[in-house]
Amino acid sequence: MEVIYLGLWNTPEQIVEAAVQEDVDVVGLSILSGAHDVLAPAVRKLLDEKGLKDVLLLVGGTIPLEDVEFLKKNGVAEVFVPGTPIKAISEFIRKNVKPRR
């Protein structure tokens, strides 16, 4: 896997533009600010508008467990809370990325 790190404080538009430019299979958001309920659905919407409906959207960080269902209903494939082993995340990605033609 190749990881492209955009740094801190990117807008949903910047994230999706990078996803388009880099032809990604997965977008992972690390959110510690509490804005996950706004940012993740905005990124999903923009990904879909750009024709990237198959791109997995993952969210990690300090996400309250009561918000996980909302995020999944709004296009997040999986939510990873603090302490999730990297192996679990990579296995989820391997199982869920759609093969390219």
N, C-alpha and C. Protein backbone atom coordinates (compact mmCIF):
# COMPACT_ATOMS: atom_id res chain seq x y z
N MET A 1 0.84 -1.18 0.00
CA MET A 1 0.00 0.00 0.00
C MET A 1 0.88 1.24 0.00
N GLU A 2 0.43 2.22 -0.71
CA GLU A 2 1.10 3.52 -0.72
C GLU A 2 0.19 4.51 -0.01
N VAL A 3 0.76 5.29 0.87
CA VAL A 3 0.00 6.29 1.62
C VAL A 3 0.43 7.67 1.16
N ILE A 4 -0.55 8.50 0.89
CA ILE A 4 -0.30 9.89 0.52
C ILE A 4 -0.88 10.75 1.64
N TYR A 5 0.00 11.39 2.36
CA TYR A 5 -0.41 12.20 3.52
C TYR A 5 -0.55 13.65 3.09
N LEU A 6 -1.70 14.22 3.34
CA LEU A 6 -1.96 15.61 2.94
C LEU A 6 -1.68 16.62 4.03
N GLY A 7 -1.42 16.17 5.24
CA GLY A 7 -1.20 17.10 6.33
C GLY A 7 -2.50 17.46 7.03
N LEU A 8 -2.41 18.48 7.86
CA LEU A 8 -3.54 18.88 8.69
C LEU A 8 -4.41 19.93 8.01
N TRP A 9 -5.66 19.98 8.46
CA TRP A 9 -6.59 21.05 8.15
C TRP A 9 -6.92 21.21 6.66
N ASN A 10 -7.10 20.11 5.98
CA ASN A 10 -7.54 20.17 4.59
C ASN A 10 -9.06 20.24 4.53
N THR A 11 -9.56 20.94 3.53
CA THR A 11 -11.00 21.00 3.32
C THR A 11 -11.46 19.74 2.60
N PRO A 12 -12.74 19.42 2.66
CA PRO A 12 -13.23 18.29 1.88
C PRO A 12 -12.89 18.43 0.40
N GLU A 13 -12.95 19.63 -0.13
CA GLU A 13 -12.61 19.85 -1.54
C GLU A 13 -11.15 19.51 -1.83
N GLN A 14 -10.25 19.90 -0.95
CA GLN A 14 -8.83 19.59 -1.13
C GLN A 14 -8.57 18.08 -1.05
N ILE A 15 -9.25 17.43 -0.14
CA ILE A 15 -9.08 15.99 0.02
C ILE A 15 -9.55 15.26 -1.23
N VAL A 16 -10.71 15.63 -1.73
CA VAL A 16 -11.25 14.95 -2.91
C VAL A 16 -10.43 15.28 -4.15
N GLU A 17 -9.95 16.49 -4.26
CA GLU A 17 -9.10 16.84 -5.42
C GLU A 17 -7.83 15.99 -5.41
N ALA A 18 -7.24 15.80 -4.25
CA ALA A 18 -6.06 14.94 -4.15
C ALA A 18 -6.42 13.49 -4.50
N ALA A 19 -7.58 13.04 -4.06
CA ALA A 19 -8.02 11.68 -4.38
C ALA A 19 -8.15 11.49 -5.89
N VAL A 20 -8.69 12.49 -6.56
CA VAL A 20 -8.83 12.43 -8.02
C VAL A 20 -7.45 12.41 -8.67
N GLN A 21 -6.60 13.33 -8.27
CA GLN A 21 -5.26 13.44 -8.87
C GLN A 21 -4.42 12.19 -8.66
N GLU A 22 -4.54 11.58 -7.51
CA GLU A 22 -3.72 10.42 -7.17
C GLU A 22 -4.36 9.09 -7.54
N ASP A 23 -5.61 9.13 -8.03
CA ASP A 23 -6.32 7.92 -8.45
C ASP A 23 -6.34 6.88 -7.33
N VAL A 24 -6.87 7.26 -6.19
CA VAL A 24 -6.84 6.43 -4.99
C VAL A 24 -7.94 5.38 -4.95
N ASP A 25 -7.73 4.38 -4.12
CA ASP A 25 -8.74 3.36 -3.84
C ASP A 25 -9.42 3.62 -2.50
N VAL A 26 -8.72 4.34 -1.62
CA VAL A 26 -9.20 4.57 -0.25
C VAL A 26 -8.88 6.00 0.14
N VAL A 27 -9.81 6.62 0.85
CA VAL A 27 -9.55 7.89 1.52
C VAL A 27 -9.73 7.63 3.01
N GLY A 28 -8.72 7.96 3.78
CA GLY A 28 -8.79 7.80 5.22
C GLY A 28 -8.71 9.15 5.89
N LEU A 29 -9.68 9.43 6.72
CA LEU A 29 -9.71 10.69 7.47
C LEU A 29 -9.39 10.40 8.93
N SER A 30 -8.42 11.12 9.46
CA SER A 30 -8.12 11.05 10.88
C SER A 30 -8.67 12.33 11.49
N ILE A 31 -9.69 12.17 12.31
CA ILE A 31 -10.39 13.35 12.83
C ILE A 31 -10.36 13.34 14.35
N LEU A 32 -9.75 14.37 14.89
CA LEU A 32 -9.68 14.53 16.34
C LEU A 32 -10.46 15.75 16.81
N SER A 33 -10.97 16.51 15.87
CA SER A 33 -11.60 17.80 16.19
C SER A 33 -13.06 17.70 16.59
N GLY A 34 -13.69 16.55 16.36
CA GLY A 34 -15.11 16.43 16.64
C GLY A 34 -15.98 16.82 15.46
N ALA A 35 -15.38 17.14 14.33
CA ALA A 35 -16.14 17.57 13.14
C ALA A 35 -16.43 16.41 12.19
N HIS A 36 -16.28 15.20 12.66
CA HIS A 36 -16.47 14.02 11.80
C HIS A 36 -17.87 13.96 11.19
N ASP A 37 -18.87 14.42 11.93
CA ASP A 37 -20.25 14.34 11.46
C ASP A 37 -20.54 15.32 10.32
N VAL A 38 -19.68 16.30 10.14
CA VAL A 38 -19.80 17.25 9.03
C VAL A 38 -18.81 16.90 7.91
N LEU A 39 -17.57 16.64 8.29
CA LEU A 39 -16.51 16.43 7.30
C LEU A 39 -16.67 15.13 6.51
N ALA A 40 -16.93 14.04 7.17
CA ALA A 40 -17.00 12.75 6.47
C ALA A 40 -18.14 12.74 5.44
N PRO A 41 -19.36 13.15 5.78
CA PRO A 41 -20.41 13.18 4.75
C PRO A 41 -20.09 14.14 3.61
N ALA A 42 -19.42 15.24 3.90
CA ALA A 42 -19.05 16.18 2.84
C ALA A 42 -18.04 15.55 1.89
N VAL A 43 -17.06 14.83 2.42
CA VAL A 43 -16.07 14.16 1.58
C VAL A 43 -16.77 13.08 0.74
N ARG A 44 -17.64 12.28 1.36
CA ARG A 44 -18.35 11.24 0.61
C ARG A 44 -19.16 11.83 -0.54
N LYS A 45 -19.86 12.92 -0.26
CA LYS A 45 -20.68 13.57 -1.29
C LYS A 45 -19.82 14.03 -2.47
N LEU A 46 -18.70 14.66 -2.16
CA LEU A 46 -17.81 15.14 -3.22
C LEU A 46 -17.16 13.99 -3.99
N LEU A 47 -16.78 12.93 -3.29
CA LEU A 47 -16.24 11.75 -3.97
C LEU A 47 -17.26 11.20 -4.97
N ASP A 48 -18.50 11.08 -4.52
CA ASP A 48 -19.55 10.56 -5.38
C ASP A 48 -19.78 11.47 -6.59
N GLU A 49 -19.77 12.78 -6.35
CA GLU A 49 -19.97 13.74 -7.44
C GLU A 49 -18.85 13.67 -8.48
N LYS A 50 -17.66 13.30 -8.05
CA LYS A 50 -16.51 13.19 -8.96
C LYS A 50 -16.42 11.80 -9.60
N GLY A 51 -17.42 10.96 -9.37
CA GLY A 51 -17.43 9.63 -9.96
C GLY A 51 -16.59 8.62 -9.21
N LEU A 52 -16.29 8.89 -7.96
CA LEU A 52 -15.45 8.00 -7.14
C LEU A 52 -16.29 7.24 -6.11
N LYS A 53 -17.41 6.72 -6.57
CA LYS A 53 -18.32 6.01 -5.65
C LYS A 53 -17.71 4.73 -5.08
N ASP A 54 -16.75 4.13 -5.80
CA ASP A 54 -16.11 2.90 -5.33
C ASP A 54 -14.96 3.14 -4.36
N VAL A 55 -14.57 4.40 -4.18
CA VAL A 55 -13.47 4.70 -3.26
C VAL A 55 -13.97 4.50 -1.82
N LEU A 56 -13.25 3.66 -1.08
CA LEU A 56 -13.61 3.45 0.33
C LEU A 56 -13.30 4.71 1.12
N LEU A 57 -14.22 5.10 1.96
CA LEU A 57 -13.98 6.21 2.88
C LEU A 57 -13.92 5.64 4.29
N LEU A 58 -12.76 5.82 4.91
CA LEU A 58 -12.53 5.35 6.27
C LEU A 58 -12.33 6.54 7.19
N VAL A 59 -12.77 6.40 8.42
CA VAL A 59 -12.60 7.46 9.41
C VAL A 59 -12.00 6.85 10.66
N GLY A 60 -11.04 7.56 11.21
CA GLY A 60 -10.44 7.15 12.47
C GLY A 60 -10.27 8.36 13.35
N GLY A 61 -10.04 8.11 14.61
CA GLY A 61 -9.83 9.20 15.54
C GLY A 61 -10.74 9.08 16.75
N THR A 62 -10.95 10.20 17.38
CA THR A 62 -11.76 10.21 18.60
C THR A 62 -13.23 10.36 18.21
N ILE A 63 -13.78 9.27 17.72
CA ILE A 63 -15.16 9.23 17.25
C ILE A 63 -16.01 8.57 18.34
N PRO A 64 -17.00 9.29 18.86
CA PRO A 64 -17.88 8.66 19.85
C PRO A 64 -18.61 7.47 19.22
N LEU A 65 -18.71 6.38 19.95
CA LEU A 65 -19.33 5.18 19.42
C LEU A 65 -20.76 5.43 18.96
N GLU A 66 -21.45 6.36 19.58
CA GLU A 66 -22.83 6.64 19.18
C GLU A 66 -22.91 7.34 17.81
N ASP A 67 -21.79 7.80 17.28
CA ASP A 67 -21.78 8.45 15.97
C ASP A 67 -21.43 7.49 14.83
N VAL A 68 -21.01 6.29 15.15
CA VAL A 68 -20.56 5.34 14.12
C VAL A 68 -21.69 5.01 13.14
N GLU A 69 -22.87 4.73 13.64
CA GLU A 69 -24.00 4.40 12.77
C GLU A 69 -24.32 5.55 11.82
N PHE A 70 -24.33 6.77 12.32
CA PHE A 70 -24.56 7.95 11.47
C PHE A 70 -23.53 8.03 10.34
N LEU A 71 -22.27 7.84 10.68
CA LEU A 71 -21.21 7.92 9.67
C LEU A 71 -21.38 6.83 8.61
N LYS A 72 -21.70 5.62 9.04
CA LYS A 72 -21.88 4.54 8.09
C LYS A 72 -23.10 4.78 7.19
N LYS A 73 -24.15 5.35 7.73
CA LYS A 73 -25.32 5.69 6.92
C LYS A 73 -25.01 6.80 5.92
N ASN A 74 -23.95 7.53 6.17
CA ASN A 74 -23.56 8.64 5.31
C ASN A 74 -22.31 8.35 4.50
N GLY A 75 -22.09 7.07 4.20
CA GLY A 75 -21.08 6.70 3.23
C GLY A 75 -19.71 6.32 3.74
N VAL A 76 -19.54 6.27 5.03
CA VAL A 76 -18.25 5.83 5.58
C VAL A 76 -18.27 4.31 5.63
N ALA A 77 -17.24 3.69 5.05
CA ALA A 77 -17.19 2.23 5.02
C ALA A 77 -16.90 1.63 6.39
N GLU A 78 -16.02 2.28 7.14
CA GLU A 78 -15.69 1.78 8.48
C GLU A 78 -15.11 2.90 9.32
N VAL A 79 -15.30 2.76 10.62
CA VAL A 79 -14.78 3.72 11.60
C VAL A 79 -13.81 2.96 12.51
N PHE A 80 -12.63 3.53 12.69
CA PHE A 80 -11.60 2.92 13.52
C PHE A 80 -11.31 3.85 14.70
N VAL A 81 -11.57 3.35 15.89
CA VAL A 81 -11.39 4.14 17.10
C VAL A 81 -9.95 3.99 17.60
N PRO A 82 -9.53 4.86 18.53
CA PRO A 82 -8.18 4.74 19.07
C PRO A 82 -7.92 3.34 19.62
N GLY A 83 -6.73 2.85 19.33
CA GLY A 83 -6.34 1.53 19.79
C GLY A 83 -6.56 0.44 18.76
N THR A 84 -7.20 0.76 17.65
CA THR A 84 -7.40 -0.24 16.60
C THR A 84 -6.03 -0.62 16.03
N PRO A 85 -5.71 -1.90 15.98
CA PRO A 85 -4.42 -2.31 15.42
C PRO A 85 -4.34 -1.99 13.92
N ILE A 86 -3.17 -1.57 13.48
CA ILE A 86 -2.95 -1.28 12.06
C ILE A 86 -3.30 -2.50 11.22
N LYS A 87 -3.00 -3.68 11.71
CA LYS A 87 -3.31 -4.91 10.98
C LYS A 87 -4.80 -5.02 10.69
N ALA A 88 -5.64 -4.65 11.64
CA ALA A 88 -7.09 -4.71 11.44
C ALA A 88 -7.53 -3.74 10.34
N ILE A 89 -6.91 -2.58 10.31
CA ILE A 89 -7.24 -1.59 9.28
C ILE A 89 -6.80 -2.08 7.91
N SER A 90 -5.57 -2.57 7.83
CA SER A 90 -5.07 -3.04 6.52
C SER A 90 -5.87 -4.25 6.04
N GLU A 91 -6.27 -5.13 6.92
CA GLU A 91 -7.09 -6.28 6.52
C GLU A 91 -8.45 -5.82 6.00
N PHE A 92 -9.05 -4.82 6.66
CA PHE A 92 -10.33 -4.29 6.19
C PHE A 92 -10.17 -3.72 4.78
N ILE A 93 -9.11 -2.99 4.56
CA ILE A 93 -8.87 -2.40 3.24
C ILE A 93 -8.70 -3.50 2.20
N ARG A 94 -7.87 -4.48 2.48
CA ARG A 94 -7.63 -5.56 1.52
C ARG A 94 -8.93 -6.31 1.17
N LYS A 95 -9.78 -6.51 2.14
CA LYS A 95 -11.03 -7.23 1.91
C LYS A 95 -12.08 -6.39 1.17
N ASN A 96 -11.98 -5.08 1.26
CA ASN A 96 -13.06 -4.24 0.77
C ASN A 96 -12.75 -3.35 -0.43
N VAL A 97 -11.49 -3.23 -0.80
CA VAL A 97 -11.17 -2.45 -2.01
C VAL A 97 -11.60 -3.28 -3.21
N LYS A 98 -12.34 -2.62 -4.10
CA LYS A 98 -12.79 -3.31 -5.32
C LYS A 98 -11.64 -3.38 -6.30
N PRO A 99 -11.43 -4.57 -6.91
CA PRO A 99 -10.33 -4.70 -7.86
C PRO A 99 -10.56 -3.79 -9.07
N ARG A 100 -9.45 -3.25 -9.57
CA ARG A 100 -9.53 -2.41 -10.77
C ARG A 100 -9.50 -3.28 -12.00
N ARG A 101 -10.14 -2.77 -13.03
CA ARG A 101 -10.16 -3.51 -14.29
C ARG A 101 -9.03 -3.15 -15.16
